[in-house]
């Protein structure tokens, strides 16, 4: 089958879903009322609460939620299950679950002064639910922060040519924020100049690679995370993510044009097997592809930073629902690139290793993506090596934007929970940011995160599950329809609990890994406990009606 047909169908479906289902959710749940001033407008402290132009906020939000997930997850799912299951989950999950979670989380947070989904759990369910949810989210974010710091430091060591454009974007972003917010320079002109500077850095970076040790980059990234988490959002975090968005959009556009001009035929199997080395298709596929379909991390971004920057409620759908569907498009493009541009053969010796999926995948999914994109854009006259380097730079940009936002969300979480209860030092933003960064440093040095990462996929989806249950309780409380979030919540509870149970009994216990077995058991218990608390709250609210 020609990849173009699936690409055009997928794009048409996502555009249709944005206007069709997005408007249903907006109207039925009453998520757009510009007569209500948003927290960014009412509080407007020029630090965390900053009313932001929609393109800039979209750039921050999309860059933060994307991460490496919509690239790595779909490639792994494709490798084990085939392209059809991966694409179906991307196209259906993103519309009916992922975009609904992102949009409703953003708007419910906006209606509650921009507080996190964890604090919303306290308001609509119970303090017990908030405490359990908060501990779990903090641990997951710290793990994610650790992995991305380690991965970025390794990438800088292995590919010194991307260091200059990656780091050089920081002063460009600071200058962009200053000129746009303090001097009032035209946004379009400032964007053009900033992107021109980034383009120059990409060229210079290829000619002058910057080499340094892993430990140097580790410390550098930790300092960067601290600054991104504590500086006013308009100085660094927001403009850096906004400018990074153009790298990501360029990657999506190049992927689409590469597929259109090369017109490749999918040569990989549509479906491989229900049982793979990674586990059965259900439930493993659904926790392997998170970003691109549904990711619990998105609910933390929407309620952690984006809700504090939304200028008008009617822009919420563009930012959150639209951002999720654009991420789904990226995931779709990734699957089509690796399944059609690269060759499929279980024996790499039978064809060129340079473009063989299994060979490249065995080295690193990142390399498989970069090579597929690089080869696709040769049809546009772009040299292969430049295309590959751009693909890796794009992926690294995803990781950095997620990294800085994760650190800031962790800071908010500590201040909202420990700060409110204990005050003083825990409410200090510098201490709150430094605490998780120090733990990330220790985990990086000891490689203590590597085993925990094995359950990250399920734990990330469990955050999404719990967020959907919290949202359901909220909508019951305001007498809005609950089924748009309750049905996805129940479905995701079944998926995540099944995945955790599978990992517990078929992976961790057989290997006598009692640490991961204990953590897995706790997550299973946590999911059911909050689900039961939510059902109890919903039942009580329904009786009161």
Protein backbone atom coordinates (compact mmCIF):
# COMPACT_ATOMS: atom_id res chain seq x y z
CA UNK A 1 0.00 0.00 0.00
CA UNK A 2 1.23 3.49 -0.83
CA UNK A 3 2.06 5.48 2.31
CA UNK A 4 0.56 8.65 0.79
CA UNK A 5 -2.97 7.19 0.95
CA UNK A 6 -2.70 6.52 4.67
CA UNK A 7 -1.07 9.91 5.26
CA UNK A 8 -3.88 11.78 3.50
CA UNK A 9 -6.56 9.74 5.26
CA UNK A 10 -4.94 10.30 8.65
CA UNK A 11 -4.55 14.05 8.12
CA UNK A 12 -8.16 14.35 6.94
CA UNK A 13 -9.44 12.41 9.95
CA UNK A 14 -7.50 14.54 12.45
CA UNK A 15 -8.66 17.81 10.86
CA UNK A 16 -12.27 16.58 10.81
CA UNK A 17 -12.02 15.40 14.44
CA UNK A 18 -10.69 18.78 15.58
CA UNK A 19 -13.80 20.59 14.35
CA UNK A 20 -16.30 17.77 14.99
CA UNK A 21 -15.39 16.16 18.30
CA UNK A 22 -13.49 19.16 19.60
CA UNK A 23 -16.60 21.31 19.27
CA UNK A 24 -18.76 18.63 20.90
CA UNK A 25 -16.47 18.57 23.95
CA UNK A 26 -16.30 22.37 24.08
CA UNK A 27 -20.07 22.80 23.85
CA UNK A 28 -21.29 19.88 25.98
CA UNK A 29 -18.85 20.54 28.83
CA UNK A 30 -19.11 24.35 28.59
CA UNK A 31 -15.36 24.89 28.26
CA UNK A 32 -15.35 28.26 26.50
CA UNK A 33 -16.66 31.48 28.01
CA UNK A 34 -14.66 34.62 27.34
CA UNK A 35 -16.72 36.56 29.88
CA UNK A 36 -14.73 34.69 32.54
CA UNK A 37 -11.26 36.21 32.98
CA UNK A 38 -8.53 33.57 32.94
CA UNK A 39 -6.03 33.28 35.85
CA UNK A 40 -3.30 34.67 33.59
CA UNK A 41 -5.32 37.88 33.21
CA UNK A 42 -6.61 38.11 36.80
CA UNK A 43 -3.37 37.25 38.63
CA UNK A 44 -0.80 38.36 36.04
CA UNK A 45 2.26 38.27 38.33
CA UNK A 46 4.77 38.46 35.43
CA UNK A 47 6.42 35.30 36.78
CA UNK A 48 4.21 32.24 36.37
CA UNK A 49 0.90 33.87 35.40
CA UNK A 50 1.45 35.66 32.10
CA UNK A 51 -1.35 36.19 29.51
CA UNK A 52 0.22 34.96 26.30
CA UNK A 53 -0.50 35.25 22.59
CA UNK A 54 -1.97 31.99 21.32
CA UNK A 55 0.83 31.11 18.83
CA UNK A 56 3.46 31.51 21.56
CA UNK A 57 1.45 29.51 24.10
CA UNK A 58 0.75 26.83 21.50
CA UNK A 59 4.48 26.63 20.82
CA UNK A 60 5.26 26.22 24.51
CA UNK A 61 2.49 23.68 25.08
CA UNK A 62 3.15 21.57 21.98
CA UNK A 63 6.91 21.55 22.48
CA UNK A 64 6.47 20.51 26.11
CA UNK A 65 4.02 17.66 25.57
CA UNK A 66 5.74 16.19 22.53
CA UNK A 67 9.06 15.06 24.01
CA UNK A 68 10.58 11.95 22.50
CA UNK A 69 7.35 10.00 23.03
CA UNK A 70 5.59 10.49 19.67
CA UNK A 71 8.76 9.34 17.90
CA UNK A 72 10.19 6.54 20.05
CA UNK A 73 6.91 4.93 21.20
CA UNK A 74 5.37 4.47 17.72
CA UNK A 75 8.64 3.04 16.36
CA UNK A 76 8.82 0.45 19.15
CA UNK A 77 5.13 -0.46 18.74
CA UNK A 78 5.58 -0.81 14.97
CA UNK A 79 8.65 -3.03 15.45
CA UNK A 80 6.76 -5.50 17.64
CA UNK A 81 3.17 -5.40 16.37
CA UNK A 82 3.17 -4.00 12.81
CA UNK A 83 2.07 -0.67 11.36
CA UNK A 84 -1.73 -1.13 11.38
CA UNK A 85 -2.26 -1.57 15.16
CA UNK A 86 0.06 1.36 15.82
CA UNK A 87 -1.73 3.68 13.40
CA UNK A 88 -5.23 2.69 14.57
CA UNK A 89 -4.37 3.43 18.20
CA UNK A 90 -2.80 6.76 17.22
CA UNK A 91 -5.78 7.93 15.16
CA UNK A 92 -8.51 6.76 17.55
CA UNK A 93 -6.80 7.18 20.91
CA UNK A 94 -5.66 10.73 20.20
CA UNK A 95 -9.16 11.95 19.31
CA UNK A 96 -11.41 10.21 21.82
CA UNK A 97 -9.06 9.98 24.80
CA UNK A 98 -5.86 12.03 24.47
CA UNK A 99 -7.27 15.29 23.13
CA UNK A 100 -10.23 15.09 25.51
CA UNK A 101 -7.89 14.66 28.48
CA UNK A 102 -5.63 17.53 27.40
CA UNK A 103 -8.42 20.00 26.62
CA UNK A 104 -10.56 19.28 29.68
CA UNK A 105 -7.56 19.32 32.03
CA UNK A 106 -6.47 22.70 30.69
CA UNK A 107 -9.89 24.29 31.03
CA UNK A 108 -10.73 22.80 34.43
CA UNK A 109 -7.38 24.12 35.70
CA UNK A 110 -8.16 27.54 34.17
CA UNK A 111 -11.50 27.55 36.02
CA UNK A 112 -9.60 26.80 39.25
CA UNK A 113 -6.91 29.51 39.22
CA UNK A 114 -4.45 27.45 37.19
CA UNK A 115 -3.80 24.86 39.91
CA UNK A 116 -2.43 21.43 39.01
CA UNK A 117 -4.56 18.34 38.39
CA UNK A 118 -3.21 17.02 41.71
CA UNK A 119 -4.69 19.97 43.63
CA UNK A 120 -7.93 19.62 41.68
CA UNK A 121 -8.11 16.05 43.02
CA UNK A 122 -8.06 17.54 46.51
CA UNK A 123 -10.95 19.88 45.70
CA UNK A 124 -13.24 17.43 43.92
CA UNK A 125 -12.44 14.03 45.48
CA UNK A 126 -10.50 14.04 48.76
CA UNK A 127 -7.25 15.03 50.44
CA UNK A 128 -6.31 11.35 50.53
CA UNK A 129 -6.65 11.15 46.73
CA UNK A 130 -4.55 14.31 46.39
CA UNK A 131 -1.77 12.94 48.59
CA UNK A 132 -1.55 9.60 46.80
CA UNK A 133 -1.77 11.21 43.37
CA UNK A 134 0.82 13.86 44.31
CA UNK A 135 3.43 11.39 45.53
CA UNK A 136 2.99 9.24 42.45
CA UNK A 137 3.21 12.21 40.06
CA UNK A 138 6.31 13.62 41.77
CA UNK A 139 8.12 10.27 41.54
CA UNK A 140 7.16 9.86 37.87
CA UNK A 141 8.26 13.40 36.97
CA UNK A 142 11.58 12.99 38.78
CA UNK A 143 12.18 9.74 36.89
CA UNK A 144 11.32 11.41 33.57
CA UNK A 145 13.57 14.35 34.40
CA UNK A 146 16.46 12.00 35.22
CA UNK A 147 16.14 9.97 32.03
CA UNK A 148 15.96 13.03 29.77
CA UNK A 149 18.96 14.68 31.45
CA UNK A 150 20.98 11.49 31.00
CA UNK A 151 19.81 11.01 27.40
CA UNK A 152 20.59 14.62 26.43
CA UNK A 153 24.05 14.52 28.02
CA UNK A 154 24.81 11.29 26.14
CA UNK A 155 23.56 12.82 22.87
CA UNK A 156 25.79 15.89 23.30
CA UNK A 157 28.79 13.60 23.80
CA UNK A 158 27.96 11.39 20.80
CA UNK A 159 26.87 14.19 18.43
CA UNK A 160 28.87 17.35 19.29
CA UNK A 161 27.67 19.02 16.08
CA UNK A 162 24.19 19.57 17.56
CA UNK A 163 25.52 21.21 20.74
CA UNK A 164 25.86 24.75 19.33
CA UNK A 165 22.32 25.02 17.88
CA UNK A 166 20.83 23.34 20.98
CA UNK A 167 22.58 25.62 23.48
CA UNK A 168 22.71 28.69 21.23
CA UNK A 169 18.92 28.70 21.18
CA UNK A 170 18.94 29.71 24.87
CA UNK A 171 20.38 33.26 24.47
CA UNK A 172 18.30 33.70 21.31
CA UNK A 173 15.17 32.79 23.30
CA UNK A 174 16.06 35.20 26.13
CA UNK A 175 16.57 38.05 23.65
CA UNK A 176 13.32 37.13 21.89
CA UNK A 177 11.40 37.25 25.19
CA UNK A 178 12.93 40.60 26.12
CA UNK A 179 12.19 42.27 22.79
CA UNK A 180 8.63 40.92 22.52
CA UNK A 181 7.51 41.43 26.13
CA UNK A 182 9.54 44.42 27.31
CA UNK A 183 10.17 46.47 24.17
CA UNK A 184 7.05 45.40 22.28
CA UNK A 185 8.77 44.37 19.05
CA UNK A 186 6.53 42.86 16.38
CA UNK A 187 6.13 39.13 17.07
CA UNK A 188 6.46 38.06 13.42
CA UNK A 189 9.64 40.10 12.85
CA UNK A 190 11.19 38.87 16.12
CA UNK A 191 10.34 35.27 15.22
CA UNK A 192 11.91 35.59 11.77
CA UNK A 193 15.15 37.06 13.15
CA UNK A 194 15.34 34.42 15.91
CA UNK A 195 14.80 31.55 13.47
CA UNK A 196 17.38 33.02 11.11
CA UNK A 197 19.85 33.02 14.00
CA UNK A 198 18.99 29.39 14.78
CA UNK A 199 19.53 28.43 11.12
CA UNK A 200 22.98 30.04 11.19
CA UNK A 201 23.79 28.13 14.40
CA UNK A 202 22.81 24.82 12.76
CA UNK A 203 25.25 25.49 9.89
CA UNK A 204 28.06 26.67 12.20
CA UNK A 205 27.43 23.77 14.58
CA UNK A 206 28.05 21.25 11.82
CA UNK A 207 31.38 22.95 11.06
CA UNK A 208 32.47 23.50 14.68
CA UNK A 209 31.36 20.62 16.92
CA UNK A 210 31.71 21.31 20.65
CA UNK A 211 33.16 18.35 22.53
CA UNK A 212 32.98 17.87 26.29
CA UNK A 213 32.61 15.05 28.81
CA UNK A 214 29.37 13.49 30.02
CA UNK A 215 29.88 14.96 33.51
CA UNK A 216 30.27 18.48 32.09
CA UNK A 217 27.02 18.25 30.13
CA UNK A 218 25.28 16.69 33.13
CA UNK A 219 26.11 19.69 35.34
CA UNK A 220 25.30 22.12 32.53
CA UNK A 221 21.84 20.58 32.03
CA UNK A 222 21.12 20.58 35.76
CA UNK A 223 21.92 24.30 35.95
CA UNK A 224 19.76 24.93 32.88
CA UNK A 225 16.85 23.03 34.47
CA UNK A 226 17.16 25.11 37.64
CA UNK A 227 17.06 28.38 35.67
CA UNK A 228 14.15 27.22 33.49
CA UNK A 229 12.19 26.25 36.61
CA UNK A 230 12.77 29.46 38.58
CA UNK A 231 13.07 32.35 36.11
CA UNK A 232 9.86 34.18 35.11
CA UNK A 233 8.21 32.11 32.39
CA UNK A 234 8.50 34.85 29.73
CA UNK A 235 12.32 35.09 30.03
CA UNK A 236 13.39 31.58 29.03
CA UNK A 237 10.87 28.73 29.17
CA UNK A 238 8.11 30.23 27.06
CA UNK A 239 10.21 31.77 24.23
CA UNK A 240 12.54 28.75 24.04
CA UNK A 241 9.63 26.35 23.66
CA UNK A 242 7.95 28.68 21.16
CA UNK A 243 11.04 28.85 18.94
CA UNK A 244 11.61 25.11 19.30
CA UNK A 245 8.12 24.60 17.92
CA UNK A 246 9.31 25.79 14.53
CA UNK A 247 11.96 23.07 14.49
CA UNK A 248 9.26 20.55 15.25
CA UNK A 249 6.85 21.98 12.67
CA UNK A 250 9.67 21.97 10.11
CA UNK A 251 10.25 18.30 10.88
CA UNK A 252 6.57 17.50 10.38
CA UNK A 253 6.43 19.47 7.10
CA UNK A 254 9.63 17.82 5.82
CA UNK A 255 8.23 14.41 6.76
CA UNK A 256 5.00 15.08 4.85
CA UNK A 257 6.79 16.48 1.78
CA UNK A 258 9.34 13.66 1.88
CA UNK A 259 6.54 11.09 1.79
CA UNK A 260 4.62 12.95 -0.93
CA UNK A 261 7.63 13.39 -3.23
CA UNK A 262 9.13 9.94 -2.72
CA UNK A 263 5.70 8.23 -2.85
CA UNK A 264 6.95 5.11 -1.03
CA UNK A 265 5.13 1.80 -0.73
CA UNK A 266 4.87 0.31 2.75
CA UNK A 267 7.05 -2.79 2.67
CA UNK A 268 6.68 -3.79 6.33
CA UNK A 269 4.00 -6.21 7.59
CA UNK A 270 0.60 -4.75 8.41
CA UNK A 271 0.36 -6.99 11.47
CA UNK A 272 3.10 -9.08 13.04
CA UNK A 273 1.75 -11.06 15.98
CA UNK A 274 -0.53 -10.68 18.96
CA UNK A 275 2.22 -12.03 21.19
CA UNK A 276 5.59 -10.32 20.81
CA UNK A 277 8.87 -10.30 22.71
CA UNK A 278 7.61 -7.18 24.45
CA UNK A 279 4.36 -8.86 25.50
CA UNK A 280 0.81 -9.27 24.13
CA UNK A 281 -0.70 -6.59 21.91
CA UNK A 282 -3.28 -5.95 24.62
CA UNK A 283 -2.33 -4.19 26.79
CA UNK A 284 1.32 -3.56 25.85
CA UNK A 285 0.66 -1.64 22.60
CA UNK A 286 -1.45 0.90 24.50
CA UNK A 287 1.27 1.75 27.03
CA UNK A 288 4.04 1.70 24.41
CA UNK A 289 2.41 4.46 22.36
CA UNK A 290 1.61 7.14 24.93
CA UNK A 291 2.45 10.52 23.39
CA UNK A 292 0.65 10.36 20.06
CA UNK A 293 -2.47 8.76 21.56
CA UNK A 294 -2.78 9.64 25.27
CA UNK A 295 -0.14 10.55 27.83
CA UNK A 296 -0.66 11.37 31.48
CA UNK A 297 2.23 13.82 31.29
CA UNK A 298 0.07 16.05 29.08
CA UNK A 299 -2.37 16.61 31.94
CA UNK A 300 0.51 17.87 34.08
CA UNK A 301 1.67 20.32 31.39
CA UNK A 302 -1.87 21.55 30.68
CA UNK A 303 -2.63 22.19 34.35
CA UNK A 304 0.93 23.00 35.39
CA UNK A 305 2.15 25.72 33.03
CA UNK A 306 -0.24 26.24 30.10
CA UNK A 307 -3.27 27.06 32.29
CA UNK A 308 -1.31 29.92 33.85
CA UNK A 309 -0.68 31.50 30.42
CA UNK A 310 -4.01 31.17 28.56
CA UNK A 311 -5.30 34.66 27.71
CA UNK A 312 -8.87 33.77 26.67
CA UNK A 313 -10.91 30.63 27.21
CA UNK A 314 -11.85 30.22 23.54
CA UNK A 315 -8.16 29.67 22.72
CA UNK A 316 -8.01 26.60 24.95
CA UNK A 317 -9.25 24.26 22.24
CA UNK A 318 -6.57 25.44 19.80
CA UNK A 319 -3.81 24.97 22.34
CA UNK A 320 -4.76 21.66 23.97
CA UNK A 321 -7.07 19.76 21.60
CA UNK A 322 -5.15 21.02 18.57
CA UNK A 323 -1.77 20.34 20.19
CA UNK A 324 -2.70 16.72 20.89
CA UNK A 325 -3.89 16.11 17.33
CA UNK A 326 -0.75 17.69 15.88
CA UNK A 327 1.27 15.32 18.04
CA UNK A 328 -0.82 12.43 16.67
CA UNK A 329 0.04 13.59 13.15
CA UNK A 330 3.72 13.49 14.05
CA UNK A 331 3.36 9.94 15.40
CA UNK A 332 1.55 8.90 12.20
CA UNK A 333 4.33 10.36 10.03
CA UNK A 334 6.96 8.52 12.10
CA UNK A 335 5.26 5.14 11.57
CA UNK A 336 4.87 5.78 7.83
CA UNK A 337 8.51 6.85 7.46
CA UNK A 338 10.04 3.81 9.14
CA UNK A 339 7.59 1.36 7.52
CA UNK A 340 7.99 2.62 3.95
CA UNK A 341 11.27 4.53 3.57
CA UNK A 342 13.33 1.89 5.39
CA UNK A 343 13.49 -1.72 4.21
CA UNK A 344 11.93 -4.50 6.25
CA UNK A 345 13.68 -7.82 6.54
CA UNK A 346 14.33 -10.04 9.51
CA UNK A 347 17.77 -10.79 8.11
CA UNK A 348 19.70 -7.52 7.65
CA UNK A 349 22.44 -9.30 5.70
CA UNK A 350 20.02 -9.76 2.79
CA UNK A 351 19.92 -6.03 2.05
CA UNK A 352 21.80 -2.83 2.77
CA UNK A 353 22.22 -2.31 6.52
CA UNK A 354 22.34 1.44 5.97
CA UNK A 355 18.57 1.61 5.41
CA UNK A 356 17.43 -1.62 7.07
CA UNK A 357 14.89 -1.04 9.83
CA UNK A 358 15.85 -3.99 12.03
CA UNK A 359 19.53 -3.08 11.91
CA UNK A 360 18.92 0.60 12.70
CA UNK A 361 16.33 -0.23 15.36
CA UNK A 362 18.78 -2.58 17.07
CA UNK A 363 21.22 0.34 17.35
CA UNK A 364 18.72 2.96 18.52
CA UNK A 365 15.13 3.96 17.58
CA UNK A 366 16.40 7.57 17.35
CA UNK A 367 18.81 6.55 14.59
CA UNK A 368 16.04 4.68 12.76
CA UNK A 369 13.90 7.84 12.76
CA UNK A 370 16.73 10.17 11.74
CA UNK A 371 17.78 7.88 8.88
CA UNK A 372 14.21 7.45 7.62
CA UNK A 373 13.61 11.21 7.63
CA UNK A 374 17.02 11.87 6.06
CA UNK A 375 16.38 9.42 3.23
CA UNK A 376 12.85 10.75 2.65
CA UNK A 377 13.99 14.36 2.23
CA UNK A 378 16.59 13.39 -0.37
CA UNK A 379 13.57 13.44 -2.71
CA UNK A 380 13.48 17.21 -2.03
CA UNK A 381 17.14 17.63 -2.94
CA UNK A 382 18.36 17.77 0.67
CA UNK A 383 21.61 15.81 1.26
CA UNK A 384 21.16 12.61 3.27
CA UNK A 385 23.54 13.54 6.12
CA UNK A 386 21.94 16.96 6.62
CA UNK A 387 18.51 15.34 6.74
CA UNK A 388 19.66 12.77 9.31
CA UNK A 389 21.35 15.45 11.45
CA UNK A 390 18.20 17.59 11.35
CA UNK A 391 16.09 14.61 12.45
CA UNK A 392 18.34 13.99 15.46
CA UNK A 393 18.43 17.73 16.29
CA UNK A 394 14.64 17.85 16.11
CA UNK A 395 14.36 14.89 18.48
CA UNK A 396 16.86 16.44 20.88
CA UNK A 397 14.88 19.68 20.82
CA UNK A 398 11.77 17.71 21.81
CA UNK A 399 13.62 16.22 24.75
CA UNK A 400 14.99 19.55 26.02
CA UNK A 401 11.60 21.28 25.91
CA UNK A 402 10.03 18.44 27.88
CA UNK A 403 12.93 18.49 30.33
CA UNK A 404 12.62 22.16 31.27
CA UNK A 405 8.84 22.00 31.59
CA UNK A 406 9.06 18.85 33.73
CA UNK A 407 11.37 20.60 36.19
CA UNK A 408 9.03 23.59 36.47
CA UNK A 409 5.97 21.37 37.00
CA UNK A 410 7.82 19.49 39.73
CA UNK A 411 8.56 22.83 41.39
CA UNK A 412 4.87 23.81 41.25
CA UNK A 413 3.86 20.43 42.65
CA UNK A 414 6.18 20.71 45.66
CA UNK A 415 5.02 24.26 46.39
CA UNK A 416 1.32 23.38 46.02
CA UNK A 417 1.51 20.34 48.30
CA UNK A 418 4.36 20.59 50.82
CA UNK A 419 4.54 24.39 50.56
CA UNK A 420 0.90 24.95 51.47
CA UNK A 421 1.02 22.44 54.33
CA UNK A 422 4.45 23.14 55.82
CA UNK A 423 5.23 26.58 54.37
CA UNK A 424 8.60 28.31 54.75
CA UNK A 425 11.35 26.50 52.89
CA UNK A 426 9.07 24.16 50.91
CA UNK A 427 7.25 27.17 49.52
CA UNK A 428 10.53 28.67 48.31
CA UNK A 429 10.71 28.21 44.54
CA UNK A 430 14.50 27.86 44.53
CA UNK A 431 14.50 25.12 47.15
CA UNK A 432 11.54 23.36 45.51
CA UNK A 433 13.30 23.32 42.13
CA UNK A 434 16.68 22.30 43.56
CA UNK A 435 15.29 19.36 45.54
CA UNK A 436 14.19 17.34 42.51
CA UNK A 437 17.28 18.38 40.51
CA UNK A 438 19.61 17.04 43.22
CA UNK A 439 17.75 13.72 43.25
CA UNK A 440 17.97 13.56 39.44
CA UNK A 441 21.73 14.13 39.66
CA UNK A 442 22.16 11.30 42.17
CA UNK A 443 20.07 8.92 40.05
CA UNK A 444 22.07 9.83 36.93
CA UNK A 445 25.39 9.13 38.66
CA UNK A 446 24.20 5.88 40.20
CA UNK A 447 22.13 4.84 37.14
CA UNK A 448 19.41 4.15 39.68
CA UNK A 449 16.66 5.04 37.25
CA UNK A 450 17.34 2.33 34.67
CA UNK A 451 15.29 -0.39 36.38
CA UNK A 452 12.48 1.99 37.30
CA UNK A 453 12.20 3.08 33.64
CA UNK A 454 10.82 -0.38 32.81
CA UNK A 455 7.48 0.59 34.33
CA UNK A 456 7.43 4.20 33.14
CA UNK A 457 5.07 3.47 30.23
CA UNK A 458 2.40 2.03 32.50
CA UNK A 459 2.93 4.65 35.22
CA UNK A 460 2.63 7.49 32.69
CA UNK A 461 -0.66 6.09 31.40
CA UNK A 462 -1.84 5.63 34.97
CA UNK A 463 -1.40 9.39 35.51
CA UNK A 464 -3.68 9.93 32.51
CA UNK A 465 -6.17 7.45 33.94
CA UNK A 466 -6.24 9.17 37.33
CA UNK A 467 -6.51 12.60 35.67
CA UNK A 468 -9.58 11.43 33.74
CA UNK A 469 -11.19 10.17 36.96
CA UNK A 470 -10.50 13.50 38.68
CA UNK A 471 -12.03 15.35 35.72
CA UNK A 472 -15.09 13.07 35.87
CA UNK A 473 -15.61 13.97 39.53
CA UNK A 474 -15.28 17.67 38.66
CA UNK A 475 -17.85 17.53 35.85
CA UNK A 476 -20.29 15.68 38.12
CA UNK A 477 -19.83 18.44 40.67
CA UNK A 478 -20.69 21.19 38.18
CA UNK A 479 -23.55 19.10 36.73
CA UNK A 480 -21.93 18.64 33.32
CA UNK A 481 -22.02 15.37 31.31
CA UNK A 482 -19.55 12.87 32.79
CA UNK A 483 -19.41 10.21 30.07
CA UNK A 484 -16.93 12.05 27.84
CA UNK A 485 -14.25 11.54 30.51
CA UNK A 486 -15.62 8.57 32.47
CA UNK A 487 -15.65 6.11 29.55
CA UNK A 488 -12.02 6.92 28.58
CA UNK A 489 -11.09 6.73 32.29
CA UNK A 490 -12.55 3.23 32.68
CA UNK A 491 -10.94 2.07 29.42
CA UNK A 492 -7.53 3.41 30.46
CA UNK A 493 -7.90 1.89 33.94
CA UNK A 494 -8.42 -1.53 32.35
CA UNK A 495 -5.42 -1.01 30.06
CA UNK A 496 -2.99 0.28 32.68
CA UNK A 497 -3.95 -2.17 35.40
CA UNK A 498 -3.74 -5.05 32.91
CA UNK A 499 -0.29 -3.87 31.81
CA UNK A 500 0.95 -3.57 35.39
CA UNK A 501 -0.46 -6.99 36.31
CA UNK A 502 1.19 -8.51 33.22
CA UNK A 503 4.55 -6.94 34.09
CA UNK A 504 4.22 -8.06 37.70
CA UNK A 505 3.46 -11.74 37.03
CA UNK A 506 5.25 -12.31 33.71
CA UNK A 507 8.33 -10.10 34.01
CA UNK A 508 9.30 -8.99 37.51
CA UNK A 509 8.26 -11.88 39.78
CA UNK A 510 9.72 -14.60 37.48
CA UNK A 511 13.05 -12.73 37.62
CA UNK A 512 12.79 -12.35 41.42
CA UNK A 513 12.93 -8.58 41.03
CA UNK A 514 11.17 -7.76 44.27
CA UNK A 515 11.81 -4.01 44.15
CA UNK A 516 9.99 -3.56 40.83
CA UNK A 517 7.39 -6.12 41.92
CA UNK A 518 6.64 -4.05 45.02
CA UNK A 519 6.43 -0.79 43.04
CA UNK A 520 4.21 -2.47 40.46
CA UNK A 521 1.91 -3.76 43.19
CA UNK A 522 1.69 -0.30 44.75
CA UNK A 523 0.76 1.26 41.40
CA UNK A 524 -1.96 -1.36 40.87
CA UNK A 525 -3.34 -0.60 44.34
CA UNK A 526 -3.11 3.17 43.78
CA UNK A 527 -5.05 2.99 40.51
CA UNK A 528 -7.89 0.98 42.00
CA UNK A 529 -8.00 3.08 45.18
CA UNK A 530 -8.41 6.42 43.39
CA UNK A 531 -10.89 4.85 40.95
CA UNK A 532 -12.99 3.63 43.91
CA UNK A 533 -12.81 7.06 45.58
CA UNK A 534 -13.94 8.67 42.33
CA UNK A 535 -16.84 6.26 41.88
CA UNK A 536 -17.87 6.92 45.49
CA UNK A 537 -17.81 10.67 44.87
CA UNK A 538 -19.73 10.35 41.59
CA UNK A 539 -22.35 8.12 43.23
CA UNK A 540 -22.76 10.62 46.07
CA UNK A 541 -23.15 13.56 43.68
CA UNK A 542 -25.68 11.64 41.58
CA UNK A 543 -27.74 10.89 44.72
CA UNK A 544 -27.71 14.59 45.65
CA UNK A 545 -29.19 15.44 42.25
